[in-house]
Protein backbone atom coordinates (compact mmCIF):
# COMPACT_ATOMS: atom_id res chain seq x y z
CA MET A 1 -41.52 22.33 -20.60
CA ASP A 2 -40.41 25.87 -21.40
CA HIS A 3 -40.02 25.94 -25.21
CA ARG A 4 -37.54 28.78 -25.55
CA VAL A 5 -35.81 29.55 -28.83
CA ALA A 6 -32.24 30.82 -29.05
CA ALA A 7 -31.75 34.50 -29.88
CA ALA A 8 -30.06 35.56 -33.10
CA PRO A 9 -26.56 37.10 -33.00
CA ARG A 10 -26.71 40.86 -32.66
CA ALA A 11 -24.57 43.63 -34.08
CA ILE A 12 -22.16 45.20 -31.58
CA THR A 13 -19.52 47.70 -32.64
CA LEU A 14 -15.92 47.53 -31.54
CA GLY A 15 -16.43 50.81 -29.70
CA GLN A 16 -19.35 49.33 -27.75
CA LEU A 17 -17.27 46.28 -26.81
CA LYS A 18 -14.51 48.57 -25.57
CA GLY A 19 -16.91 50.46 -23.32
CA THR A 20 -18.80 47.40 -22.04
CA PHE A 21 -15.70 45.38 -21.14
CA ILE A 22 -13.46 48.34 -20.19
CA LEU A 23 -10.78 47.68 -22.80
CA GLU A 24 -7.75 49.84 -23.56
CA GLY A 25 -6.81 51.09 -27.00
CA PRO A 26 -6.46 50.89 -29.82
CA VAL A 27 -2.76 50.82 -28.91
CA ASN A 28 -1.57 50.95 -32.52
CA GLU A 29 -2.04 53.07 -35.60
CA CYS A 30 -5.31 52.13 -37.32
CA ALA A 31 -8.19 53.63 -39.29
CA PRO A 32 -9.89 56.54 -37.51
CA ASP A 33 -13.32 54.95 -37.89
CA TRP A 34 -12.28 51.80 -35.97
CA ALA A 35 -14.99 52.25 -33.31
CA GLY A 36 -17.72 51.67 -35.90
CA LEU A 37 -16.40 48.25 -36.96
CA VAL A 38 -18.93 45.47 -36.33
CA PRO A 39 -17.25 42.07 -35.75
CA THR A 40 -19.21 39.29 -37.40
CA GLY A 41 -17.82 36.68 -35.04
CA VAL A 42 -15.07 35.93 -32.55
CA ALA A 43 -12.24 33.36 -32.50
CA SER A 44 -9.41 32.51 -30.11
CA ASP A 45 -7.73 30.01 -32.47
CA SER A 46 -6.14 31.52 -35.57
CA ARG A 47 -7.04 28.40 -37.54
CA GLU A 48 -10.74 29.07 -36.92
CA VAL A 49 -10.77 32.76 -37.92
CA ALA A 50 -13.35 33.80 -40.53
CA PRO A 51 -13.38 37.18 -42.30
CA GLY A 52 -14.74 39.85 -39.97
CA ASP A 53 -13.92 38.02 -36.72
CA LEU A 54 -12.48 39.60 -33.59
CA PHE A 55 -9.36 37.56 -32.75
CA ILE A 56 -8.75 37.06 -29.03
CA ALA A 57 -5.02 36.45 -28.39
CA ALA A 58 -4.72 34.93 -24.91
CA PRO A 59 -1.67 33.34 -23.26
CA GLY A 60 -1.41 29.59 -23.87
CA ASP A 61 0.40 26.73 -22.16
CA ARG A 62 3.43 27.07 -24.44
CA LEU A 63 3.00 30.13 -26.67
CA HIS A 64 1.08 33.35 -26.40
CA GLY A 65 -1.84 33.65 -28.80
CA ALA A 66 -0.46 36.99 -29.94
CA ALA A 67 2.20 35.08 -31.86
CA PHE A 68 -0.58 33.91 -34.18
CA ALA A 69 -2.21 37.33 -34.62
CA PRO A 70 -0.58 37.96 -38.03
CA SER A 71 -2.06 34.67 -39.30
CA ALA A 72 -5.45 35.66 -37.91
CA VAL A 73 -5.30 39.04 -39.66
CA ARG A 74 -4.34 37.38 -42.94
CA ALA A 75 -7.39 35.14 -42.51
CA GLY A 76 -9.61 38.22 -42.22
CA ALA A 77 -9.70 39.20 -38.54
CA CYS A 78 -10.99 42.77 -38.25
CA ALA A 79 -9.41 43.45 -34.84
CA VAL A 80 -7.25 41.85 -32.13
CA LEU A 81 -7.82 41.75 -28.37
CA THR A 82 -4.85 40.74 -26.21
CA ASP A 83 -3.18 41.50 -22.86
CA HIS A 84 -0.09 43.57 -22.14
CA SER A 85 2.29 40.62 -22.53
CA GLY A 86 0.69 39.85 -25.88
CA ARG A 87 1.01 43.44 -26.99
CA ALA A 88 4.77 43.19 -26.45
CA VAL A 89 5.11 40.41 -29.04
CA LEU A 90 2.68 41.80 -31.61
CA GLY A 91 4.15 43.09 -34.80
CA ASP A 92 2.84 45.96 -36.88
CA LEU A 93 -0.79 45.06 -37.56
CA ARG A 94 -3.07 47.08 -39.77
CA VAL A 95 -6.17 46.34 -37.70
CA PRO A 96 -7.14 47.83 -34.31
CA VAL A 97 -5.45 46.22 -31.29
CA LEU A 98 -7.29 46.46 -27.96
CA VAL A 99 -5.73 45.45 -24.64
CA THR A 100 -6.99 44.18 -21.29
CA GLU A 101 -5.61 42.12 -18.46
CA GLY A 102 -7.21 38.73 -17.91
CA VAL A 103 -8.07 38.42 -21.58
CA ARG A 104 -8.59 34.65 -21.24
CA ARG A 105 -11.40 35.24 -18.73
CA LEU A 106 -13.12 37.69 -21.09
CA ALA A 107 -13.22 35.38 -24.12
CA GLY A 108 -16.45 33.71 -23.00
CA PRO A 109 -18.40 36.85 -22.07
CA ILE A 110 -17.33 38.65 -25.27
CA ALA A 111 -18.25 35.65 -27.42
CA ALA A 112 -21.60 35.42 -25.65
CA ALA A 113 -22.24 39.13 -26.24
CA LEU A 114 -21.41 38.93 -29.95
CA TRP A 115 -23.65 35.88 -30.40
CA GLY A 116 -26.59 37.40 -28.55
CA GLN A 117 -26.19 35.58 -25.21
CA PRO A 118 -27.40 32.28 -26.70
CA ALA A 119 -27.07 30.24 -23.50
CA GLU A 120 -29.67 32.45 -21.82
CA HIS A 121 -32.31 31.28 -24.30
CA LEU A 122 -31.68 27.55 -24.04
CA ARG A 123 -32.10 24.93 -21.36
CA LEU A 124 -28.46 23.95 -20.95
CA THR A 125 -26.89 20.70 -19.75
CA ALA A 126 -23.14 20.96 -19.21
CA VAL A 127 -21.06 17.79 -18.92
CA THR A 128 -17.59 18.26 -17.45
CA GLY A 129 -14.68 16.26 -16.02
CA THR A 130 -11.31 15.01 -17.28
CA HIS A 131 -12.48 11.77 -18.94
CA GLY A 132 -15.67 10.56 -20.57
CA VAL A 133 -17.03 14.05 -21.20
CA ALA A 134 -17.73 13.70 -24.93
CA THR A 135 -19.16 10.21 -24.47
CA THR A 136 -21.52 11.31 -21.72
CA ALA A 137 -22.59 14.45 -23.61
CA ASN A 138 -23.29 12.37 -26.73
CA MET A 139 -25.44 10.00 -24.70
CA VAL A 140 -27.39 12.75 -22.93
CA HIS A 141 -28.07 14.44 -26.28
CA ARG A 142 -29.26 11.21 -27.89
CA LEU A 143 -31.47 10.33 -24.92
CA LEU A 144 -33.12 13.75 -25.08
CA THR A 145 -33.69 13.74 -28.83
CA SER A 146 -35.06 10.19 -28.68
CA ARG A 147 -37.80 11.58 -26.46
CA GLY A 148 -38.73 14.41 -28.77
CA VAL A 149 -36.63 17.18 -27.22
CA ALA A 150 -35.25 19.62 -29.81
CA ALA A 151 -31.65 19.66 -28.59
CA VAL A 152 -28.30 20.64 -30.07
CA GLU A 153 -24.94 19.26 -28.91
CA VAL A 154 -21.69 21.22 -28.70
CA THR A 155 -18.69 18.99 -28.03
CA SER A 156 -15.12 19.42 -29.20
CA GLY A 157 -11.72 18.06 -28.27
CA HIS A 158 -10.46 21.67 -27.97
CA LEU A 159 -13.57 23.61 -27.06
CA THR A 160 -12.90 27.34 -26.84
CA PRO A 161 -15.40 29.97 -25.65
CA PRO A 162 -16.03 31.26 -29.21
CA VAL A 163 -16.69 27.71 -30.47
CA LEU A 164 -19.07 27.07 -27.59
CA HIS A 165 -21.19 30.19 -28.02
CA ARG A 166 -21.22 29.94 -31.82
CA GLY A 167 -22.49 26.37 -31.42
CA LEU A 168 -25.23 27.55 -29.08
CA ALA A 169 -26.29 30.45 -31.30
CA ALA A 170 -29.66 30.74 -33.02
CA ARG A 171 -31.10 27.51 -34.37
CA PRO A 172 -34.82 27.64 -35.18
CA GLY A 173 -36.94 25.45 -32.94
CA VAL A 174 -34.11 24.35 -30.65
CA THR A 175 -34.99 24.53 -26.96
CA ASP A 176 -32.16 22.56 -25.34
CA ALA A 177 -28.39 22.31 -25.60
CA VAL A 178 -25.88 19.77 -24.30
CA ALA A 179 -22.32 21.07 -23.99
CA GLY A 180 -19.31 18.82 -23.46
CA LEU A 181 -17.03 21.09 -21.42
CA ASP A 182 -14.03 19.09 -20.25
CA ALA A 183 -12.23 20.57 -17.27
CA ARG A 184 -9.42 21.91 -19.47
CA ALA A 185 -11.97 23.78 -21.60
CA LEU A 186 -13.29 25.32 -18.39
CA HIS A 187 -9.74 26.40 -17.57
CA ARG A 188 -9.64 28.13 -20.97
CA GLY A 189 -12.68 30.14 -19.88
CA ALA A 190 -15.42 28.24 -21.72
CA GLY A 191 -17.70 28.05 -18.68
CA ILE A 192 -17.51 31.68 -17.58
CA GLY A 193 -20.93 33.30 -17.43
CA LEU A 194 -22.87 30.08 -18.05
CA ARG A 195 -25.85 29.22 -15.84
CA PRO A 196 -26.62 25.59 -16.73
CA ASP A 197 -29.85 23.92 -15.76
CA VAL A 198 -27.92 20.71 -15.10
CA VAL A 199 -24.19 20.06 -14.60
CA ALA A 200 -23.07 16.43 -14.87
CA VAL A 201 -19.55 15.68 -13.62
CA ALA A 202 -17.90 12.67 -15.28
CA ALA A 203 -14.55 11.15 -14.25
CA LEU A 204 -12.05 13.44 -12.48
CA HIS A 205 -8.63 11.81 -12.19
CA ASP A 206 -5.51 10.62 -14.07
CA THR A 207 -3.66 13.89 -14.08
CA ARG A 208 -0.95 15.52 -11.97
CA ALA A 209 -2.09 16.45 -8.47
CA GLN A 210 -1.39 20.17 -8.91
CA GLU A 211 -3.19 20.28 -12.27
CA LEU A 212 -6.08 18.25 -10.90
CA ALA A 213 -6.56 20.76 -8.08
CA VAL A 214 -6.78 23.61 -10.62
CA LEU A 215 -9.22 21.71 -12.82
CA ALA A 216 -11.35 20.67 -9.84
CA ALA A 217 -11.66 24.33 -8.88
CA GLU A 218 -13.03 25.11 -12.36
CA VAL A 219 -15.53 22.25 -12.05
CA ARG A 220 -16.54 23.53 -8.62
CA SER A 221 -17.31 26.96 -10.05
CA LEU A 222 -19.49 25.47 -12.78
CA LEU A 223 -21.35 23.31 -10.23
CA ALA A 224 -22.01 26.37 -8.11
CA SER A 225 -23.73 28.09 -11.07
CA ALA A 226 -26.06 25.15 -11.85
CA ARG A 227 -29.66 24.62 -10.83
CA ARG A 228 -29.22 20.85 -10.58
CA ARG A 229 -26.12 18.70 -10.21
CA VAL A 230 -25.24 15.08 -10.97
CA ILE A 231 -21.81 13.73 -9.96
CA LEU A 232 -20.12 10.45 -10.88
CA LEU A 233 -18.37 9.20 -7.73
CA ASP A 234 -15.22 7.58 -9.12
CA SER A 235 -12.41 9.29 -7.17
CA ASP A 236 -11.58 11.15 -4.00
CA THR A 237 -11.78 14.40 -5.96
CA SER A 238 -15.38 13.79 -7.01
CA ALA A 239 -16.21 12.69 -3.45
CA HIS A 240 -14.90 16.02 -2.13
CA LEU A 241 -17.10 17.86 -4.65
CA ALA A 242 -20.08 15.82 -3.45
CA ASP A 243 -19.32 16.96 0.12
CA GLU A 244 -19.51 20.58 -1.03
CA PHE A 245 -22.80 20.11 -2.90
CA PRO A 246 -25.00 17.91 -0.67
CA ASP A 247 -27.99 18.36 -2.99
CA ALA A 248 -26.17 16.70 -5.92
CA VAL A 249 -27.49 13.40 -7.25
CA LEU A 250 -24.65 10.88 -6.91
CA VAL A 251 -23.98 7.99 -9.32
CA ALA A 252 -21.34 5.25 -8.90
CA LEU A 253 -20.30 1.82 -10.04
CA ALA A 254 -20.88 -0.77 -7.32
CA THR A 255 -17.12 -1.42 -7.32
CA SER A 256 -16.32 2.20 -6.43
CA PRO A 257 -15.06 2.75 -2.87
CA HIS A 258 -17.59 5.57 -2.66
CA ALA A 259 -20.56 3.50 -3.88
CA HIS A 260 -22.21 3.49 -0.44
CA ARG A 261 -22.85 7.24 -0.83
CA ALA A 262 -24.44 7.05 -4.27
CA TRP A 263 -28.13 7.60 -4.95
CA TRP A 264 -27.87 5.46 -8.07
CA ARG A 265 -25.50 2.49 -8.34
CA VAL A 266 -24.58 0.17 -11.22
CA THR A 267 -25.22 -3.02 -9.29
CA ALA A 268 -25.25 -5.72 -11.95
CA VAL A 269 -23.30 -5.96 -15.20
CA GLY A 270 -23.66 -8.33 -18.11
CA ALA A 271 -21.18 -7.87 -20.94
CA ASP A 272 -20.03 -9.33 -24.19
CA ARG A 273 -17.16 -8.14 -26.36
CA ALA A 274 -19.15 -5.31 -28.00
CA ALA A 275 -21.93 -4.30 -25.58
CA SER A 276 -22.76 -4.02 -21.90
CA THR A 277 -25.98 -4.39 -19.93
CA PHE A 278 -26.25 -2.76 -16.53
CA THR A 279 -28.78 -2.29 -13.77
CA LEU A 280 -29.13 1.04 -12.01
CA THR A 281 -30.41 0.62 -8.46
CA GLY A 282 -31.73 3.80 -6.90
CA PRO A 283 -33.78 5.19 -4.02
CA GLY A 284 -36.39 2.80 -2.71
CA SER A 285 -34.59 -0.10 -4.47
CA GLU A 286 -35.87 1.15 -7.83
CA ARG A 287 -34.15 -0.85 -10.56
CA ILE A 288 -33.65 0.21 -14.17
CA THR A 289 -31.91 -2.12 -16.62
CA THR A 290 -30.49 -0.82 -19.90
CA THR A 291 -27.86 -1.61 -22.50
CA VAL A 292 -25.11 0.44 -24.11
CA GLY A 293 -23.53 -0.69 -27.35
CA ARG A 294 -19.95 -0.54 -26.05
CA PRO A 295 -17.97 -2.86 -23.78
CA GLY A 296 -16.21 -2.05 -20.54
CA SER A 297 -16.87 -0.50 -17.16
CA LEU A 298 -15.68 2.96 -18.25
CA VAL A 299 -18.50 3.27 -20.76
CA LEU A 300 -20.92 1.87 -18.17
CA ALA A 301 -20.06 4.70 -15.78
CA ASP A 302 -20.56 7.28 -18.54
CA ALA A 303 -23.87 5.71 -19.60
CA ALA A 304 -25.20 5.58 -16.03
CA LEU A 305 -24.31 9.25 -15.54
CA ALA A 306 -26.01 10.16 -18.83
CA VAL A 307 -29.22 8.29 -17.96
CA VAL A 308 -29.53 9.99 -14.58
CA ALA A 309 -28.61 13.43 -15.98
CA ALA A 310 -31.17 13.18 -18.79
CA ALA A 311 -33.82 12.05 -16.33
CA SER A 312 -32.98 14.99 -14.07
CA LEU A 313 -33.39 17.37 -17.00
CA LEU A 314 -36.72 15.87 -18.06
CA GLU A 315 -37.85 15.60 -14.43
CA VAL A 316 -38.79 11.95 -14.84
CA ARG A 317 -37.45 8.78 -13.30
CA PRO A 318 -34.34 7.39 -15.02
CA LEU A 319 -35.07 6.47 -18.60
CA THR A 320 -35.96 2.84 -19.20
CA ALA A 321 -34.96 2.57 -22.86
CA GLY A 322 -31.43 1.53 -23.75
CA VAL A 323 -28.80 4.06 -24.73
CA PRO A 324 -28.69 3.90 -28.57
CA VAL A 325 -25.94 1.61 -29.80
CA ASP A 326 -24.60 4.11 -32.33
CA VAL A 327 -23.89 6.84 -29.78
CA PRO A 328 -20.36 8.15 -30.42
CA CYS A 329 -18.03 7.14 -27.60
CA ARG A 330 -14.32 7.46 -26.95
CA MET A 331 -14.15 3.67 -27.49
CA GLU A 332 -15.39 2.64 -30.92
CA VAL A 333 -16.32 -0.88 -32.07
CA LEU A 334 -14.66 -1.23 -35.49
CA ALA A 335 -15.19 -4.95 -36.13
CA ARG A 336 -16.79 -7.89 -34.34
CA PHE A 337 -15.15 -11.12 -35.55
CA PRO A 338 -12.80 -10.74 -33.81
CA THR A 339 -13.90 -7.69 -31.85
CA VAL A 340 -11.69 -4.71 -32.71
CA LEU A 341 -11.96 -1.58 -30.56
CA ALA A 342 -10.32 1.83 -31.03
CA ASP A 343 -9.47 4.13 -28.13
CA ARG A 344 -7.27 7.22 -27.90
CA ALA A 345 -5.44 6.09 -24.74
CA THR A 346 -1.69 6.76 -25.01
CA THR A 347 -0.38 7.27 -21.46
CA ALA A 348 0.34 4.43 -19.07
CA GLU A 349 -2.50 5.53 -16.78
CA GLU A 350 -5.01 5.67 -19.64
CA LEU A 351 -3.91 2.28 -20.99
CA ARG A 352 -4.39 0.68 -17.58
CA ARG A 353 -7.85 2.16 -17.15
CA VAL A 354 -9.05 1.17 -20.61
CA LEU A 355 -7.59 -2.33 -20.79
CA ALA A 356 -8.57 -3.20 -17.22
CA SER A 357 -12.16 -2.08 -17.86
CA LEU A 358 -12.79 -4.65 -20.61
CA PRO A 359 -14.56 -7.96 -19.92
CA ARG A 360 -12.11 -10.87 -19.89
CA LEU A 361 -13.87 -13.18 -22.32
CA GLY A 362 -10.64 -14.19 -24.05
CA ARG A 363 -7.20 -12.74 -24.61
CA ILE A 364 -6.71 -8.96 -24.80
CA TRP A 365 -4.56 -7.78 -27.72
CA CYS A 366 -3.28 -4.22 -27.73
CA VAL A 367 -2.03 -2.50 -30.88
CA TYR A 368 0.06 0.51 -29.84
CA PRO A 369 1.31 3.19 -32.28
CA ALA A 370 4.84 3.61 -30.90
CA ASP A 371 5.63 7.00 -32.44
CA ALA A 372 7.28 10.07 -30.91
CA ARG A 373 4.46 10.63 -28.40
CA VAL A 374 5.67 7.71 -26.33
CA GLU A 375 8.72 9.75 -25.31
CA ARG A 376 6.47 12.19 -23.49
CA THR A 377 4.45 9.52 -21.72
CA GLY A 378 7.46 7.51 -20.56
CA ARG A 379 8.47 4.34 -22.37
CA LEU A 380 9.06 2.24 -19.26
CA GLN A 381 5.66 3.10 -17.79
CA VAL A 382 3.87 2.40 -21.08
CA ALA A 383 5.68 -0.93 -21.51
CA GLN A 384 4.77 -1.94 -17.95
CA ALA A 385 1.12 -1.00 -18.45
CA LEU A 386 0.91 -2.95 -21.70
CA SER A 387 2.62 -5.97 -20.13
CA ASP A 388 0.35 -5.93 -17.05
CA CYS A 389 -2.96 -5.43 -18.86
CA ALA A 390 -2.63 -7.05 -22.32
CA ASP A 391 -1.97 -10.69 -23.22
CA ARG A 392 -0.50 -9.89 -26.63
CA ILE A 393 1.07 -6.61 -27.81
CA VAL A 394 1.72 -5.34 -31.33
CA LEU A 395 3.87 -2.20 -31.67
CA ALA A 396 3.31 -0.15 -34.83
CA GLY A 397 5.94 2.18 -36.19
CA SER A 398 8.97 2.51 -38.44
CA PRO A 399 12.11 0.61 -37.38
CA GLY A 400 14.72 2.73 -35.66
CA ARG A 401 12.24 5.20 -34.19
CA GLY A 402 10.11 5.00 -31.07
CA ARG A 403 9.05 1.44 -31.82
CA ASP A 404 12.44 -0.16 -31.20
CA ALA A 405 13.08 1.99 -28.15
CA LEU A 406 9.75 0.94 -26.67
CA ARG A 407 10.28 -2.73 -27.45
CA ALA A 408 13.61 -2.62 -25.59
CA CYS A 409 11.71 -1.66 -22.42
CA PHE A 410 10.07 -5.09 -22.16
CA THR A 411 11.84 -7.73 -20.08
CA PRO A 412 13.03 -10.96 -21.79
CA SER A 413 10.10 -12.85 -20.26
CA GLU A 414 7.66 -10.27 -21.65
CA ALA A 415 9.26 -9.96 -25.09
CA GLY A 416 7.69 -13.20 -26.28
CA ARG A 417 4.29 -11.53 -26.16
CA VAL A 418 5.41 -8.54 -28.24
CA GLU A 419 5.33 -8.27 -32.05
CA CYS A 420 6.15 -5.34 -34.34
CA ALA A 421 4.80 -3.98 -37.63
CA ASP A 422 5.89 -1.04 -39.77
CA THR A 423 2.41 0.49 -40.17
CA LEU A 424 -0.74 0.69 -38.10
CA ALA A 425 -2.68 -1.20 -40.77
CA ASP A 426 -0.13 -4.04 -40.70
CA ALA A 427 -0.21 -4.12 -36.90
CA ILE A 428 -4.01 -4.40 -36.85
CA GLY A 429 -3.76 -7.15 -39.46
CA LEU A 430 -1.26 -9.10 -37.32
CA ALA A 431 -3.53 -8.89 -34.30
CA ARG A 432 -6.64 -9.93 -36.21
CA GLU A 433 -4.85 -12.89 -37.77
CA GLY A 434 -3.53 -14.04 -34.40
CA ALA A 435 -6.74 -13.54 -32.47
CA ARG A 436 -8.72 -16.59 -31.42
CA PRO A 437 -12.51 -16.71 -30.99
CA GLY A 438 -13.33 -14.70 -27.90
CA ASP A 439 -10.27 -12.44 -28.11
CA THR A 440 -10.51 -8.65 -28.17
CA VAL A 441 -8.17 -6.35 -30.11
CA VAL A 442 -7.74 -2.80 -28.78
CA VAL A 443 -6.13 -0.23 -31.08
CA ALA A 444 -4.73 2.37 -28.68
CA GLY A 445 -3.68 5.94 -29.39
CA CYS A 446 -6.33 6.36 -32.08
CA GLY A 447 -9.25 8.77 -32.24
CA THR A 448 -12.65 7.28 -32.85
CA ILE A 449 -14.47 7.69 -36.13
CA LEU A 450 -18.00 8.35 -34.85
CA GLY A 451 -16.74 10.39 -31.90
CA GLY A 452 -15.40 13.15 -34.10
CA HIS A 453 -11.75 12.63 -33.24
CA GLU A 454 -9.30 12.46 -36.09
CA PRO A 455 -8.69 8.80 -37.00
CA ARG A 456 -5.14 7.69 -37.66
CA GLU A 457 -4.11 6.36 -41.04
CA GLY A 458 -4.90 2.67 -41.30
CA LEU A 459 -7.71 2.72 -38.73
CA THR A 460 -10.47 2.88 -41.30
């Protein structure tokens, strides 16, 4: 193994950045010695700015980042980099403002330059996809560290290029890094300039066709830059990627329509309400059995991908030891008698995937926080998904708001399975009191505690 150590961040002046990346400006009145300023960091989210940072104001889905430049300057940003459309909305700032087109695509390379190109000094595993990215990255990281590899993990629900490269920057003794780069983070430019040793592609689906095509193109670019590739075959999109990269190692659940193409298949599953045991069958009928401390086929797919990806990185056969039970996953086991699970699913598609993946060892209860977000997902679709996939439903929310509107979407025959509570804590209590031995309670729309997502009030 090549025991490389990450380089320390290096000092680069604003004038050097301008010359290296061919930037315009400053386009405003500022101190004459601006070119000698040395940014101490870089941020593209005004909430993450530290004193001395270069703030990169890129266009967003709804607002341009330049709208937040005054907040970034108040937080201590020493300069602002934006594009021409951002310049038009900037007010009078007292720090240098540099301009370039395609500023979003430069965020990664500039962050890498300011942090001393940290990814070049680490063996990097990048996990990407639209679902299961954080779970798979967590598992890969834990599998590596359990075998003595000095690895760091960088995973965030809103991973920006500055966050990624800061997370990869100098850490004494670290030789490996695992980055959870969901496809939307790639679209924000987080993967530009990376040359991963391994790219593992988790689930790619459950989004609008036009958006999925854009995200798949970003995943394709990352795969093209990798030395080794592992792809979870769970959709037509991932199957098309496998066609383009015939050297990729393919992993699939036996129930997948693409399972016949996979090198490694999950061929046998044993599950209880809080854990799952699976058998990976590979080339030459090699069989590896392991256990993950979470229920459901979704976690099984993530775990199988993680096992094969970690083995590819270590250049050994798939790892025989079980995935540690305390690995943070999108689905968290909060209690066991009865089993209470938390998952952040809110849309009808996500609810169907999560609830349908669970072992049917008893009734499935779903606690759903029926707040304003349900208006964006579509009340009728959410009600239909809950009715199709859950035996009992508890809606949490204040009367007169989204809760009552959602309850009205259930048919009279379905309404008998629906209860309401004013708070999430009360709704969980109702479900736990009504649950029989063998039942499972799923609290939807809630971030997990171990997974680093913000838990909703009442979940703990």
